[in-house]
Amino acid sequence: MELQLDPLFQTITLVVLVLILVADLLIILKRPHIPAAKESTLWVVFYVTLALIFAGVLWIVAGGEVAGQFVAGWLTEYSLSIDNLFVFVLIMGQFAVPRRYQQEVLMVGIIIALILRGAFILVGATIIENFSPIFYLFGAFLVYTAIRQAFPGDDHDDDTQEENLIVRTLRRVLPMSDSYDGKKVITRVNGKKLFTPMIIVFVAIGVTDLLFAIDSIPAIFGITQSPFIVFTANLFALMGLRQLYFLLGDLLDRLKYLHYGIAFILAFIGVKLVFHAMHVNELSFLNGGEPIEWAPEISTWVSLAVIVLSMAVATIASLVAARGESSSAGAQDAAAEVAGEKGTPATVEQPERDGR
């Protein structure tokens, strides 16, 4: 289904959303602070509500199919953005960014991500329009990414090593101060202009955004081929990311199964893209260049259901497991405390039985 939306509607929508993003940035610049849980919650609820309202407007203007594509794309990008937060936490910790200025760092990172994703969307839309077999490549890439996501190994450590290489390179080529000077990127030390470590943080965030854009843009093109829907879904996902960072906080460490849910979503969309490529096949060595009729077309609503269920199951399983580990740790601490009071060991090792 070709998406037909009034160009004026698209222009007005993008202008309004960008103005909201700019207003958000100005609020941070005017009053940098550590947001309380209540403040972060209200902002997250605001942006989620705004996204749902926009979905309702799309339903009225263009129909349920288009609205469903937006919601599915938005949820996909939002779930991938949550995974992005894990790396943001590592970067903030690695460079000891003062918590007071983390909002600004995140906002700059979001703007960088928005620019990069906008460029990827334009390139992706052009390639799709002129070379439909790209769906085969997108599908295979997403399945590969899903496998890497499900079995991450030392991926985050690799990211950190790459960032350390960038840091070392920047320190060699740029005059750098040893400490932060508030939120400044450039400071003066003994009358000499120097870059602060904040410039390194911005570069690290930008590199991370680039890597995640490479993963996420093919995923959402598996749901819709409309550049407008792709961009607005990304915009809404990124708009709530800063507040979500502070709201989740330590909860990120408890979402131990989240990457499995994200991996399943990516694999599902990858398979969907391959089926779509088969359905519109133009490769001469496959079925004589004719569409493969038996290849199914997975509907937007099936995709939406899979995305919601995958994230719900992963989140619930993570929280249940975290609660169990907390209870176990609590029991061990209690046993150790009692043992300390009684002067006895907290646990007693069972003697080995010689073959009995």
Protein backbone atom coordinates (compact mmCIF):
# COMPACT_ATOMS: atom_id res chain seq x y z
CA MET A 1 0.00 0.00 0.00
CA GLU A 2 1.43 3.35 -1.08
CA LEU A 3 1.26 6.00 1.57
CA GLN A 4 -0.48 9.14 0.35
CA LEU A 5 -0.29 12.06 2.74
CA ASP A 6 -0.74 15.73 2.07
CA PRO A 7 2.74 17.33 1.76
CA LEU A 8 1.46 20.27 3.81
CA PHE A 9 0.43 17.91 6.63
CA GLN A 10 3.88 16.29 6.57
CA THR A 11 5.64 19.66 6.61
CA ILE A 12 3.55 21.04 9.49
CA THR A 13 4.06 17.82 11.47
CA LEU A 14 7.84 17.87 11.09
CA VAL A 15 8.05 21.57 11.96
CA VAL A 16 5.96 21.12 15.13
CA LEU A 17 7.97 18.08 16.28
CA VAL A 18 11.30 19.78 15.67
CA LEU A 19 10.09 22.84 17.62
CA ILE A 20 9.15 20.57 20.55
CA LEU A 21 12.61 19.03 20.42
CA VAL A 22 14.27 22.47 20.33
CA ALA A 23 12.12 23.66 23.26
CA ASP A 24 13.20 20.58 25.22
CA LEU A 25 16.83 21.41 24.51
CA LEU A 26 16.41 25.05 25.56
CA ILE A 27 14.87 23.98 28.88
CA ILE A 28 17.95 21.87 29.59
CA LEU A 29 20.37 24.61 28.59
CA LYS A 30 18.59 27.12 30.81
CA ARG A 31 18.40 24.89 33.87
CA PRO A 32 20.78 21.91 33.91
CA HIS A 33 19.86 19.61 36.79
CA ILE A 34 19.35 16.04 37.88
CA PRO A 35 15.68 15.26 37.14
CA ALA A 36 13.66 13.61 39.89
CA ALA A 37 11.80 10.37 39.19
CA LYS A 38 8.48 12.22 39.13
CA GLU A 39 9.72 14.76 36.58
CA SER A 40 11.17 12.04 34.34
CA THR A 41 7.96 10.01 34.59
CA LEU A 42 5.81 12.99 33.59
CA TRP A 43 8.01 13.71 30.57
CA VAL A 44 7.99 10.06 29.44
CA VAL A 45 4.20 9.92 29.81
CA PHE A 46 3.95 13.19 27.87
CA TYR A 47 5.97 11.91 24.91
CA VAL A 48 4.26 8.51 24.88
CA THR A 49 0.86 10.23 24.96
CA LEU A 50 2.00 12.58 22.19
CA ALA A 51 3.02 9.60 20.04
CA LEU A 52 -0.34 7.90 20.60
CA ILE A 53 -2.18 11.13 19.76
CA PHE A 54 -0.17 11.39 16.55
CA ALA A 55 -1.09 7.79 15.74
CA GLY A 56 -4.76 8.76 16.21
CA VAL A 57 -4.32 11.73 13.87
CA LEU A 58 -2.75 9.45 11.26
CA TRP A 59 -5.71 7.06 11.64
CA ILE A 60 -8.11 9.91 10.87
CA VAL A 61 -6.02 11.37 8.03
CA ALA A 62 -4.69 8.23 6.32
CA GLY A 63 -6.43 5.20 7.83
CA GLY A 64 -5.71 2.40 10.27
CA GLU A 65 -3.01 0.70 8.19
CA VAL A 66 -0.80 3.81 8.18
CA ALA A 67 -1.43 4.44 11.89
CA GLY A 68 -0.51 0.82 12.61
CA GLN A 69 2.73 1.18 10.64
CA PHE A 70 3.65 4.22 12.72
CA VAL A 71 2.92 2.52 16.06
CA ALA A 72 4.82 -0.63 15.06
CA GLY A 73 7.76 1.43 13.82
CA TRP A 74 7.75 3.66 16.89
CA LEU A 75 7.71 0.70 19.29
CA THR A 76 10.50 -0.99 17.36
CA GLU A 77 12.67 2.12 17.48
CA TYR A 78 11.78 2.72 21.13
CA SER A 79 12.82 -0.81 22.11
CA LEU A 80 16.09 -0.46 20.18
CA SER A 81 16.64 2.94 21.84
CA ILE A 82 16.29 1.35 25.27
CA ASP A 83 19.10 -1.00 24.30
CA ASN A 84 21.03 2.11 23.27
CA LEU A 85 20.70 3.35 26.86
CA PHE A 86 22.88 0.49 28.11
CA VAL A 87 25.79 1.85 26.07
CA PHE A 88 25.02 5.43 27.15
CA VAL A 89 25.32 4.29 30.78
CA LEU A 90 28.73 2.76 30.01
CA ILE A 91 29.91 5.94 28.30
CA MET A 92 28.73 8.21 31.13
CA GLY A 93 30.44 6.00 33.67
CA GLN A 94 33.63 5.57 31.69
CA PHE A 95 34.14 9.31 31.28
CA ALA A 96 32.78 10.21 34.75
CA VAL A 97 30.34 12.77 33.34
CA PRO A 98 28.90 14.82 36.23
CA ARG A 99 25.28 13.73 36.64
CA ARG A 100 24.20 17.38 36.62
CA TYR A 101 25.24 17.69 32.95
CA GLN A 102 24.17 14.25 31.71
CA GLN A 103 20.88 15.65 30.40
CA GLU A 104 22.75 17.99 28.07
CA VAL A 105 25.04 15.22 26.88
CA LEU A 106 22.07 12.99 26.14
CA MET A 107 20.25 15.77 24.32
CA VAL A 108 23.24 16.50 22.11
CA GLY A 109 23.53 12.77 21.46
CA ILE A 110 19.86 12.64 20.49
CA ILE A 111 20.30 15.51 18.03
CA ILE A 112 23.32 13.76 16.50
CA ALA A 113 21.27 10.56 16.26
CA LEU A 114 18.42 12.43 14.61
CA ILE A 115 20.71 13.92 11.96
CA LEU A 116 22.41 10.58 11.27
CA ARG A 117 19.14 8.68 11.07
CA GLY A 118 17.64 11.32 8.81
CA ALA A 119 20.55 10.83 6.40
CA PHE A 120 20.21 7.03 6.59
CA ILE A 121 16.47 7.28 5.95
CA LEU A 122 16.95 9.38 2.82
CA VAL A 123 19.61 7.03 1.49
CA GLY A 124 17.58 3.94 2.41
CA ALA A 125 14.41 5.26 0.78
CA THR A 126 16.30 6.07 -2.43
CA ILE A 127 17.90 2.62 -2.57
CA ILE A 128 14.58 0.87 -1.90
CA GLU A 129 12.84 2.86 -4.61
CA ASN A 130 15.48 1.99 -7.22
CA PHE A 131 16.71 -1.43 -6.08
CA SER A 132 14.07 -3.66 -4.49
CA PRO A 133 16.47 -6.64 -3.95
CA ILE A 134 17.98 -4.55 -1.13
CA PHE A 135 15.26 -6.16 1.02
CA TYR A 136 17.18 -9.44 0.82
CA LEU A 137 20.29 -7.71 2.18
CA PHE A 138 18.33 -5.84 4.85
CA GLY A 139 16.65 -9.07 5.94
CA ALA A 140 19.89 -11.03 6.14
CA PHE A 141 21.57 -8.18 8.02
CA LEU A 142 18.76 -8.03 10.60
CA VAL A 143 18.88 -11.79 11.18
CA TYR A 144 22.65 -11.52 11.69
CA THR A 145 22.12 -8.57 14.04
CA ALA A 146 19.50 -10.58 15.96
CA ILE A 147 21.96 -13.44 16.48
CA ARG A 148 24.60 -10.98 17.67
CA GLN A 149 22.03 -9.35 19.98
CA ALA A 150 20.93 -12.67 21.48
CA PHE A 151 24.51 -13.82 22.04
CA PRO A 152 26.33 -10.53 22.66
CA GLY A 153 29.54 -11.95 24.12
CA ASP A 154 31.78 -8.97 24.75
CA ASP A 155 30.05 -6.57 22.34
CA HIS A 156 29.77 -3.80 24.90
CA ASP A 157 33.40 -4.31 25.83
CA ASP A 158 34.30 -4.08 22.14
CA ASP A 159 32.35 -0.83 21.90
CA THR A 160 34.27 0.49 24.89
CA GLN A 161 37.60 -0.52 23.33
CA GLU A 162 36.66 1.26 20.10
CA GLU A 163 35.76 4.36 22.08
CA ASN A 164 39.08 4.14 23.97
CA LEU A 165 40.87 4.10 20.62
CA ILE A 166 38.96 7.22 19.60
CA VAL A 167 39.76 8.84 22.92
CA ARG A 168 43.46 8.09 22.58
CA THR A 169 43.45 9.47 19.04
CA LEU A 170 41.65 12.64 20.09
CA ARG A 171 43.98 13.19 23.02
CA ARG A 172 46.95 12.94 20.66
CA VAL A 173 45.60 15.46 18.14
CA LEU A 174 43.66 17.85 20.40
CA PRO A 175 44.95 19.92 23.32
CA MET A 176 42.93 18.50 26.21
CA SER A 177 42.34 19.56 29.80
CA ASP A 178 42.41 17.04 32.61
CA SER A 179 39.00 17.89 34.04
CA TYR A 180 35.54 19.14 33.09
CA ASP A 181 34.67 22.81 33.19
CA GLY A 182 30.94 22.54 33.72
CA LYS A 183 29.22 21.89 30.41
CA LYS A 184 31.88 23.69 28.35
CA VAL A 185 33.58 22.00 25.42
CA ILE A 186 36.46 24.53 25.41
CA THR A 187 38.09 26.03 28.49
CA ARG A 188 41.12 28.15 29.39
CA VAL A 189 43.99 26.85 31.50
CA ASN A 190 46.80 29.33 32.25
CA GLY A 191 45.54 31.51 29.40
CA LYS A 192 45.65 28.65 26.89
CA LYS A 193 42.52 27.33 25.14
CA LEU A 194 41.98 23.61 25.67
CA PHE A 195 39.22 21.14 24.87
CA THR A 196 37.54 19.55 27.88
CA PRO A 197 36.74 15.82 28.14
CA MET A 198 33.17 16.78 27.18
CA ILE A 199 34.21 16.81 23.50
CA ILE A 200 35.28 13.17 23.82
CA VAL A 201 31.94 12.27 25.39
CA PHE A 202 30.08 13.89 22.49
CA VAL A 203 32.21 12.00 19.97
CA ALA A 204 31.65 8.69 21.79
CA ILE A 205 27.90 9.28 21.88
CA GLY A 206 27.94 10.19 18.18
CA VAL A 207 29.82 7.02 17.23
CA THR A 208 27.37 4.96 19.27
CA ASP A 209 24.43 6.67 17.57
CA LEU A 210 25.93 5.88 14.17
CA LEU A 211 26.28 2.18 15.01
CA PHE A 212 22.71 1.98 16.29
CA ALA A 213 21.36 3.83 13.26
CA ILE A 214 22.91 1.18 11.02
CA ASP A 215 20.94 -1.46 12.95
CA SER A 216 17.66 0.35 13.45
CA ILE A 217 16.92 1.91 10.05
CA PRO A 218 16.72 -1.43 8.16
CA ALA A 219 14.46 -2.70 10.94
CA ILE A 220 11.85 0.02 10.55
CA PHE A 221 12.00 -0.19 6.75
CA GLY A 222 10.81 -3.74 7.30
CA ILE A 223 7.59 -2.28 8.70
CA THR A 224 6.99 0.67 6.38
CA GLN A 225 8.67 2.10 3.30
CA SER A 226 7.37 5.63 3.93
CA PRO A 227 10.28 7.98 4.77
CA PHE A 228 7.82 10.24 6.63
CA ILE A 229 6.60 7.43 8.91
CA VAL A 230 10.15 6.14 9.38
CA PHE A 231 11.43 9.59 10.38
CA THR A 232 8.53 10.48 12.71
CA ALA A 233 8.75 7.07 14.41
CA ASN A 234 12.47 7.67 15.01
CA LEU A 235 11.80 11.21 16.20
CA PHE A 236 9.21 10.14 18.77
CA ALA A 237 11.43 7.31 20.01
CA LEU A 238 14.37 9.67 20.48
CA MET A 239 12.30 12.47 22.05
CA GLY A 240 11.53 10.40 25.14
CA LEU A 241 14.94 8.77 25.38
CA ARG A 242 16.60 11.36 27.62
CA GLN A 243 13.90 11.21 30.29
CA LEU A 244 13.79 7.42 30.05
CA TYR A 245 17.51 7.31 30.84
CA PHE A 246 16.95 8.94 34.23
CA LEU A 247 13.67 7.16 34.90
CA LEU A 248 15.04 3.68 34.40
CA GLY A 249 18.36 4.33 36.13
CA ASP A 250 19.51 1.16 37.84
CA LEU A 251 16.53 -0.72 36.41
CA LEU A 252 18.52 -1.18 33.20
CA ASP A 253 20.76 -3.67 34.99
CA ARG A 254 17.67 -5.67 35.99
CA LEU A 255 16.39 -6.04 32.42
CA LYS A 256 18.66 -9.01 31.82
CA TYR A 257 16.44 -10.63 29.17
CA LEU A 258 15.64 -7.47 27.24
CA HIS A 259 18.22 -8.22 24.56
CA TYR A 260 16.45 -11.52 23.82
CA GLY A 261 13.19 -9.67 23.16
CA ILE A 262 14.96 -7.18 20.90
CA ALA A 263 16.77 -10.02 19.12
CA PHE A 264 13.46 -11.79 18.46
CA ILE A 265 11.95 -8.59 17.04
CA LEU A 266 14.93 -8.05 14.74
CA ALA A 267 14.88 -11.67 13.56
CA PHE A 268 11.13 -11.49 12.92
CA ILE A 269 11.45 -8.29 10.90
CA GLY A 270 14.43 -9.76 9.04
CA VAL A 271 12.38 -12.79 8.00
CA LYS A 272 9.50 -10.48 7.08
CA LEU A 273 11.82 -8.47 4.83
CA VAL A 274 13.05 -11.62 3.08
CA PHE A 275 9.45 -12.74 2.48
CA HIS A 276 8.64 -9.29 1.11
CA ALA A 277 11.69 -9.44 -1.18
CA MET A 278 10.54 -12.84 -2.45
CA HIS A 279 7.01 -11.53 -2.99
CA VAL A 280 8.31 -8.69 -5.22
CA ASN A 281 11.32 -10.64 -6.52
CA GLU A 282 13.23 -9.13 -9.45
CA LEU A 283 16.39 -11.25 -9.29
CA SER A 284 16.76 -13.18 -12.54
CA PHE A 285 18.38 -16.22 -10.90
CA LEU A 286 15.42 -16.67 -8.52
CA ASN A 287 12.22 -18.01 -10.05
CA GLY A 288 13.22 -16.54 -13.42
CA GLY A 289 12.98 -12.99 -12.06
CA GLU A 290 9.28 -13.44 -11.31
CA PRO A 291 7.62 -12.83 -7.91
CA ILE A 292 7.54 -15.92 -5.68
CA GLU A 293 3.81 -16.29 -5.14
CA TRP A 294 3.92 -18.58 -2.12
CA ALA A 295 5.94 -16.06 -0.08
CA PRO A 296 3.56 -14.65 2.57
CA GLU A 297 3.06 -10.96 3.26
CA ILE A 298 3.04 -10.40 7.03
CA SER A 299 0.54 -7.70 7.94
CA THR A 300 1.28 -4.59 9.97
CA TRP A 301 -1.02 -5.75 12.77
CA VAL A 302 0.75 -9.11 13.08
CA SER A 303 4.05 -7.22 13.27
CA LEU A 304 2.67 -4.91 15.95
CA ALA A 305 1.42 -7.86 18.02
CA VAL A 306 4.81 -9.62 17.79
CA ILE A 307 6.68 -6.47 18.84
CA VAL A 308 4.43 -5.80 21.85
CA LEU A 309 4.42 -9.42 23.03
CA SER A 310 8.18 -9.80 22.63
CA MET A 311 8.96 -6.74 24.72
CA ALA A 312 6.31 -7.60 27.32
CA VAL A 313 7.60 -11.16 27.77
CA ALA A 314 11.25 -10.03 27.94
CA THR A 315 10.48 -7.28 30.45
CA ILE A 316 8.29 -9.42 32.71
CA ALA A 317 10.78 -12.30 32.66
CA SER A 318 13.61 -9.90 33.54
CA LEU A 319 11.73 -8.36 36.47
CA VAL A 320 10.68 -11.78 37.81
CA ALA A 321 14.27 -13.04 37.60
CA ALA A 322 15.58 -9.87 39.26
CA ARG A 323 13.06 -10.24 42.10
CA GLY A 324 14.15 -13.86 42.60
CA GLU A 325 17.82 -12.88 42.69
CA SER A 326 17.03 -10.07 45.14
CA SER A 327 15.18 -12.47 47.43
CA SER A 328 18.03 -14.97 47.25
CA ALA A 329 20.60 -12.27 48.00
CA GLY A 330 18.46 -11.05 50.89
CA ALA A 331 18.28 -14.54 52.36
CA GLN A 332 22.05 -14.95 52.09
CA ASP A 333 22.65 -11.59 53.77
CA ALA A 334 20.27 -12.53 56.58
CA ALA A 335 22.03 -15.87 57.04
CA ALA A 336 25.41 -14.17 57.14
CA GLU A 337 24.14 -11.67 59.74
CA VAL A 338 22.77 -14.41 62.00
CA ALA A 339 25.95 -16.42 61.55
CA GLY A 340 28.00 -13.40 62.55
CA GLU A 341 25.95 -12.97 65.73
CA LYS A 342 26.24 -16.66 66.63
CA GLY A 343 29.88 -17.00 65.67
CA THR A 344 29.15 -19.82 63.23
CA PRO A 345 29.71 -20.12 59.48
CA ALA A 346 26.82 -18.92 57.28
CA THR A 347 26.81 -22.15 55.29
CA VAL A 348 27.98 -25.65 56.02
CA GLU A 349 29.57 -27.58 53.23
CA GLN A 350 28.31 -31.11 52.93
CA PRO A 351 31.01 -33.79 53.22
CA GLU A 352 31.72 -35.68 50.03
CA ARG A 353 30.36 -39.20 49.89
CA ASP A 354 32.94 -41.73 48.75
CA GLY A 355 31.04 -43.34 45.94
CA ARG A 356 27.85 -43.61 48.06
